[in-house]
Amino acid sequence: MPFLLNTPGQASLRKGRRSLSGQAYFLTFTTHRRERVFRDWEPGAAMSRLVSEPSTWPKARLMAWVLMPDHWHGLLVLECSGELSKVVGQAKGATASSFNLMTGRTGALWSRGFHDRAIRNDECLRAVARYLVGNPLRAGLADRAGNYPFWDAAWLTDTSLL
C-alpha cells in the first residue's frame, strides 16, 4: 500500500500544539504496542510511584492522573518557561528508564508521541479530574474510584471523587 500523505499520525498530534504558562492540559500516552504492562499490582505500583514524584514533572504541576493497564492519563498545569513536549518527553524518558531498571525490563515502555487537550478557561479542572479518575470505572476495572489503586488527584479531601 503506498504511503498516504494525509494519513493521521504523530505529526497530526503536534499540529496546533501550544505551550502556555499556567495552561492546564489533559494528557494521554500509551505503552509501546499497547502492551498491558501495568495490569498487575507490582508494575502498576512501581509506575504509580514514579509518575507521582514531583521531580518527574519539571516546570509543571501534576493535578491528577490515572494509570491504566496500557496507558496513562494526566491533568498537568505548565509553569512558566515550561514547554509541553519537553516536559512530557522528559517524564516519559525518566519513568521508562527507572521502571526498566526497577523491573529488569528492557526496550521501549511508552509509545512515541502523546495526545493533549488544552483545558478551556470555562471548564472546571475538578470536573476534568473526575472524568480522568473515572476511567477505571468505565473500563470495568473497579466499581468505585476508591477501589482502584493507581490514581491520584490534588483534590483528595473532596470525598465526592471517591
C-alpha atoms as a PDB file:
ATOM      1  CA  MET A   1       0.000   0.000   0.000  1.00  0.00           C
ATOM      2  CA  PRO A   2       1.503   3.373  -0.947  1.00  0.00           C
ATOM      3  CA  PHE A   3       2.191   5.924   1.753  1.00  0.00           C
ATOM      4  CA  LEU A   4      -0.684   8.383   2.061  1.00  0.00           C
ATOM      5  CA  LEU A   5       0.325  11.962   2.801  1.00  0.00           C
ATOM      6  CA  ASN A   6      -2.895  12.812   4.632  1.00  0.00           C
ATOM      7  CA  THR A   7      -2.794   9.830   6.974  1.00  0.00           C
ATOM      8  CA  PRO A   8      -3.129  10.869  10.629  1.00  0.00           C
ATOM      9  CA  GLY A   9      -0.117  10.075  12.761  1.00  0.00           C
ATOM     10  CA  GLN A  10       2.386  11.570  15.155  1.00  0.00           C
ATOM     11  CA  ALA A  11       2.612  14.817  13.165  1.00  0.00           C
ATOM     12  CA  SER A  12      -1.142  15.344  13.453  1.00  0.00           C
ATOM     13  CA  LEU A  13      -0.847  15.086  17.245  1.00  0.00           C
ATOM     14  CA  ARG A  14       1.577  18.036  17.224  1.00  0.00           C
ATOM     15  CA  LYS A  15      -0.426  20.207  14.844  1.00  0.00           C
ATOM     16  CA  GLY A  16      -1.586  23.338  16.629  1.00  0.00           C
ATOM     17  CA  ARG A  17       0.064  22.396  19.929  1.00  0.00           C
ATOM     18  CA  ARG A  18       0.836  25.420  22.087  1.00  0.00           C
ATOM     19  CA  SER A  19       2.723  25.601  25.371  1.00  0.00           C
ATOM     20  CA  LEU A  20       1.255  28.299  27.594  1.00  0.00           C
ATOM     21  CA  SER A  21       2.349  29.087  31.134  1.00  0.00           C
ATOM     22  CA  GLY A  22      -0.468  28.372  33.579  1.00  0.00           C
ATOM     23  CA  GLN A  23      -2.379  26.351  30.990  1.00  0.00           C
ATOM     24  CA  ALA A  24      -3.915  23.034  32.096  1.00  0.00           C
ATOM     25  CA  TYR A  25      -3.664  20.077  29.720  1.00  0.00           C
ATOM     26  CA  PHE A  26      -5.389  16.711  29.673  1.00  0.00           C
ATOM     27  CA  LEU A  27      -2.704  14.251  28.535  1.00  0.00           C
ATOM     28  CA  THR A  28      -2.710  10.667  27.323  1.00  0.00           C
ATOM     29  CA  PHE A  29       0.153   8.425  26.390  1.00  0.00           C
ATOM     30  CA  THR A  30       0.151   4.713  25.737  1.00  0.00           C
ATOM     31  CA  THR A  31       2.524   1.852  26.325  1.00  0.00           C
ATOM     32  CA  HIS A  32       4.582   0.582  23.404  1.00  0.00           C
ATOM     33  CA  ARG A  33       2.310  -1.539  21.197  1.00  0.00           C
ATOM     34  CA  ARG A  34      -0.441  -1.062  23.819  1.00  0.00           C
ATOM     35  CA  GLU A  35       1.133  -3.824  25.896  1.00  0.00           C
ATOM     36  CA  ARG A  36      -0.766  -4.250  29.185  1.00  0.00           C
ATOM     37  CA  VAL A  37       2.375  -3.643  31.263  1.00  0.00           C
ATOM     38  CA  PHE A  38       0.526  -2.292  34.312  1.00  0.00           C
ATOM     39  CA  ARG A  39      -2.260  -4.876  34.619  1.00  0.00           C
ATOM     40  CA  ASP A  40      -0.673  -6.464  37.723  1.00  0.00           C
ATOM     41  CA  TRP A  41      -0.064  -4.895  41.131  1.00  0.00           C
ATOM     42  CA  GLU A  42       3.761  -4.806  41.208  1.00  0.00           C
ATOM     43  CA  PRO A  43       4.378  -2.985  37.912  1.00  0.00           C
ATOM     44  CA  GLY A  44       1.359  -0.727  38.454  1.00  0.00           C
ATOM     45  CA  ALA A  45       2.533   0.261  41.930  1.00  0.00           C
ATOM     46  CA  ALA A  46       6.094   0.845  40.705  1.00  0.00           C
ATOM     47  CA  MET A  47       4.966   3.141  37.877  1.00  0.00           C
ATOM     48  CA  SER A  48       2.499   4.922  40.167  1.00  0.00           C
ATOM     49  CA  ARG A  49       5.359   5.868  42.487  1.00  0.00           C
ATOM     50  CA  LEU A  50       7.374   7.161  39.523  1.00  0.00           C
ATOM     51  CA  VAL A  51       4.655   9.254  37.854  1.00  0.00           C
ATOM     52  CA  SER A  52       3.518  10.804  41.127  1.00  0.00           C
ATOM     53  CA  GLU A  53       7.000  12.030  42.038  1.00  0.00           C
ATOM     54  CA  PRO A  54       7.121  15.846  41.623  1.00  0.00           C
ATOM     55  CA  SER A  55      10.656  15.604  40.174  1.00  0.00           C
ATOM     56  CA  THR A  56       9.193  13.657  37.239  1.00  0.00           C
ATOM     57  CA  TRP A  57       7.377  16.824  36.123  1.00  0.00           C
ATOM     58  CA  PRO A  58       9.876  19.696  35.976  1.00  0.00           C
ATOM     59  CA  LYS A  59       8.258  23.007  35.066  1.00  0.00           C
ATOM     60  CA  ALA A  60       4.769  21.603  35.626  1.00  0.00           C
ATOM     61  CA  ARG A  61       2.304  20.568  38.339  1.00  0.00           C
ATOM     62  CA  LEU A  62       0.551  17.236  38.059  1.00  0.00           C
ATOM     63  CA  MET A  63      -3.002  17.848  39.323  1.00  0.00           C
ATOM     64  CA  ALA A  64      -4.499  14.389  38.706  1.00  0.00           C
ATOM     65  CA  TRP A  65      -3.537  11.149  36.993  1.00  0.00           C
ATOM     66  CA  VAL A  66      -4.655   7.576  36.435  1.00  0.00           C
ATOM     67  CA  LEU A  67      -2.565   4.625  35.280  1.00  0.00           C
ATOM     68  CA  MET A  68      -4.446   2.096  33.209  1.00  0.00           C
ATOM     69  CA  PRO A  69      -3.079  -1.315  32.130  1.00  0.00           C
ATOM     70  CA  ASP A  70      -1.844   0.042  28.774  1.00  0.00           C
ATOM     71  CA  HIS A  71      -1.920   3.841  29.055  1.00  0.00           C
ATOM     72  CA  TRP A  72      -1.698   6.852  31.342  1.00  0.00           C
ATOM     73  CA  HIS A  73      -3.907   9.952  31.644  1.00  0.00           C
ATOM     74  CA  GLY A  74      -2.909  13.107  33.468  1.00  0.00           C
ATOM     75  CA  LEU A  75      -4.055  16.632  34.179  1.00  0.00           C
ATOM     76  CA  LEU A  76      -0.982  18.848  34.072  1.00  0.00           C
ATOM     77  CA  VAL A  77      -0.525  22.602  34.547  1.00  0.00           C
ATOM     78  CA  LEU A  78       2.528  24.123  32.875  1.00  0.00           C
ATOM     79  CA  GLU A  79       4.592  26.539  34.901  1.00  0.00           C
ATOM     80  CA  CYS A  80       6.434  29.491  33.391  1.00  0.00           C
ATOM     81  CA  SER A  81       9.024  28.549  30.776  1.00  0.00           C
ATOM     82  CA  GLY A  82       7.692  25.002  30.508  1.00  0.00           C
ATOM     83  CA  GLU A  83       7.293  23.542  27.031  1.00  0.00           C
ATOM     84  CA  LEU A  84       4.683  20.794  26.923  1.00  0.00           C
ATOM     85  CA  SER A  85       6.549  18.477  24.541  1.00  0.00           C
ATOM     86  CA  LYS A  86       9.749  18.728  26.573  1.00  0.00           C
ATOM     87  CA  VAL A  87       8.015  18.241  29.928  1.00  0.00           C
ATOM     88  CA  VAL A  88       6.181  15.152  28.675  1.00  0.00           C
ATOM     89  CA  GLY A  89       9.253  13.801  26.867  1.00  0.00           C
ATOM     90  CA  GLN A  90      11.380  14.134  29.995  1.00  0.00           C
ATOM     91  CA  ALA A  91       8.710  12.495  32.139  1.00  0.00           C
ATOM     92  CA  LYS A  92       8.260   9.590  29.737  1.00  0.00           C
ATOM     93  CA  GLY A  93      12.026   9.097  29.458  1.00  0.00           C
ATOM     94  CA  ALA A  94      12.643   9.273  33.210  1.00  0.00           C
ATOM     95  CA  THR A  95       9.790   6.943  34.127  1.00  0.00           C
ATOM     96  CA  ALA A  96      10.704   4.413  31.422  1.00  0.00           C
ATOM     97  CA  SER A  97      14.381   4.315  32.439  1.00  0.00           C
ATOM     98  CA  SER A  98      13.608   3.973  36.137  1.00  0.00           C
ATOM     99  CA  PHE A  99      10.837   1.432  35.575  1.00  0.00           C
ATOM    100  CA  ASN A 100      13.019  -0.722  33.341  1.00  0.00           C
ATOM    101  CA  LEU A 101      15.844  -0.634  35.912  1.00  0.00           C
ATOM    102  CA  MET A 102      13.485  -1.494  38.781  1.00  0.00           C
ATOM    103  CA  THR A 103      11.811  -4.379  36.962  1.00  0.00           C
ATOM    104  CA  GLY A 104      14.667  -5.730  34.841  1.00  0.00           C
ATOM    105  CA  ARG A 105      12.668  -4.903  31.744  1.00  0.00           C
ATOM    106  CA  THR A 106      14.362  -3.825  28.507  1.00  0.00           C
ATOM    107  CA  GLY A 107      13.195  -1.979  25.423  1.00  0.00           C
ATOM    108  CA  ALA A 108      10.630   0.701  24.828  1.00  0.00           C
ATOM    109  CA  LEU A 109       7.996   1.210  27.501  1.00  0.00           C
ATOM    110  CA  TRP A 110       5.974   4.147  26.131  1.00  0.00           C
ATOM    111  CA  SER A 111       4.869   4.647  22.547  1.00  0.00           C
ATOM    112  CA  ARG A 112       6.122   7.677  20.652  1.00  0.00           C
ATOM    113  CA  GLY A 113       4.113  10.849  20.963  1.00  0.00           C
ATOM    114  CA  PHE A 114       1.193  11.738  23.193  1.00  0.00           C
ATOM    115  CA  HIS A 115      -2.231  13.272  22.927  1.00  0.00           C
ATOM    116  CA  ASP A 116      -3.048  16.544  24.646  1.00  0.00           C
ATOM    117  CA  ARG A 117      -6.068  18.769  25.007  1.00  0.00           C
ATOM    118  CA  ALA A 118      -5.824  22.233  26.486  1.00  0.00           C
ATOM    119  CA  ILE A 119      -8.486  22.794  29.114  1.00  0.00           C
ATOM    120  CA  ARG A 120     -10.504  25.897  28.319  1.00  0.00           C
ATOM    121  CA  ASN A 121     -10.912  28.555  30.975  1.00  0.00           C
ATOM    122  CA  ASP A 122     -14.598  27.789  31.342  1.00  0.00           C
ATOM    123  CA  GLU A 123     -14.010  24.116  32.054  1.00  0.00           C
ATOM    124  CA  CYS A 124     -13.741  23.109  35.696  1.00  0.00           C
ATOM    125  CA  LEU A 125     -10.460  21.348  36.461  1.00  0.00           C
ATOM    126  CA  ARG A 126     -12.184  19.255  39.111  1.00  0.00           C
ATOM    127  CA  ALA A 127     -14.725  18.029  36.575  1.00  0.00           C
ATOM    128  CA  VAL A 128     -11.917  17.030  34.213  1.00  0.00           C
ATOM    129  CA  ALA A 129     -10.141  15.298  37.129  1.00  0.00           C
ATOM    130  CA  ARG A 130     -13.348  13.381  37.964  1.00  0.00           C
ATOM    131  CA  TYR A 131     -13.612  12.266  34.358  1.00  0.00           C
ATOM    132  CA  LEU A 132      -9.959  11.233  34.338  1.00  0.00           C
ATOM    133  CA  VAL A 133     -10.084   9.145  37.536  1.00  0.00           C
ATOM    134  CA  GLY A 134     -13.358   7.605  36.347  1.00  0.00           C
ATOM    135  CA  ASN A 135     -11.559   5.790  33.523  1.00  0.00           C
ATOM    136  CA  PRO A 136     -11.079   2.550  35.520  1.00  0.00           C
ATOM    137  CA  LEU A 137     -14.813   2.527  36.288  1.00  0.00           C
ATOM    138  CA  ARG A 138     -15.768   2.902  32.646  1.00  0.00           C
ATOM    139  CA  ALA A 139     -13.245   0.167  31.727  1.00  0.00           C
ATOM    140  CA  GLY A 140     -14.762  -2.203  34.303  1.00  0.00           C
ATOM    141  CA  LEU A 141     -11.565  -2.364  36.378  1.00  0.00           C
ATOM    142  CA  ALA A 142     -13.282  -1.208  39.582  1.00  0.00           C
ATOM    143  CA  ASP A 143     -16.746  -0.372  40.878  1.00  0.00           C
ATOM    144  CA  ARG A 144     -15.589   2.854  42.617  1.00  0.00           C
ATOM    145  CA  ALA A 145     -12.573   5.107  42.055  1.00  0.00           C
ATOM    146  CA  GLY A 146     -11.538   4.450  45.654  1.00  0.00           C
ATOM    147  CA  ASN A 147     -11.257   0.734  44.845  1.00  0.00           C
ATOM    148  CA  TYR A 148      -8.768   1.307  42.020  1.00  0.00           C
ATOM    149  CA  PRO A 149      -5.225   1.789  43.354  1.00  0.00           C
ATOM    150  CA  PHE A 150      -3.401   3.599  40.544  1.00  0.00           C
ATOM    151  CA  TRP A 151      -4.586   7.208  40.568  1.00  0.00           C
ATOM    152  CA  ASP A 152      -4.254  10.431  42.496  1.00  0.00           C
ATOM    153  CA  ALA A 153      -5.748  13.914  42.454  1.00  0.00           C
ATOM    154  CA  ALA A 154      -4.907  17.188  44.153  1.00  0.00           C
ATOM    155  CA  TRP A 155      -8.474  17.321  45.486  1.00  0.00           C
ATOM    156  CA  LEU A 156      -8.388  14.139  47.603  1.00  0.00           C
ATOM    157  CA  THR A 157     -10.023  15.920  50.516  1.00  0.00           C
ATOM    158  CA  ASP A 158     -13.153  16.039  48.339  1.00  0.00           C
ATOM    159  CA  THR A 159     -14.731  12.657  49.085  1.00  0.00           C
ATOM    160  CA  SER A 160     -17.174  13.051  46.185  1.00  0.00           C
ATOM    161  CA  LEU A 161     -14.308  11.875  43.940  1.00  0.00           C
ATOM    162  CA  LEU A 162     -14.347   8.577  45.776  1.00  0.00           C
END
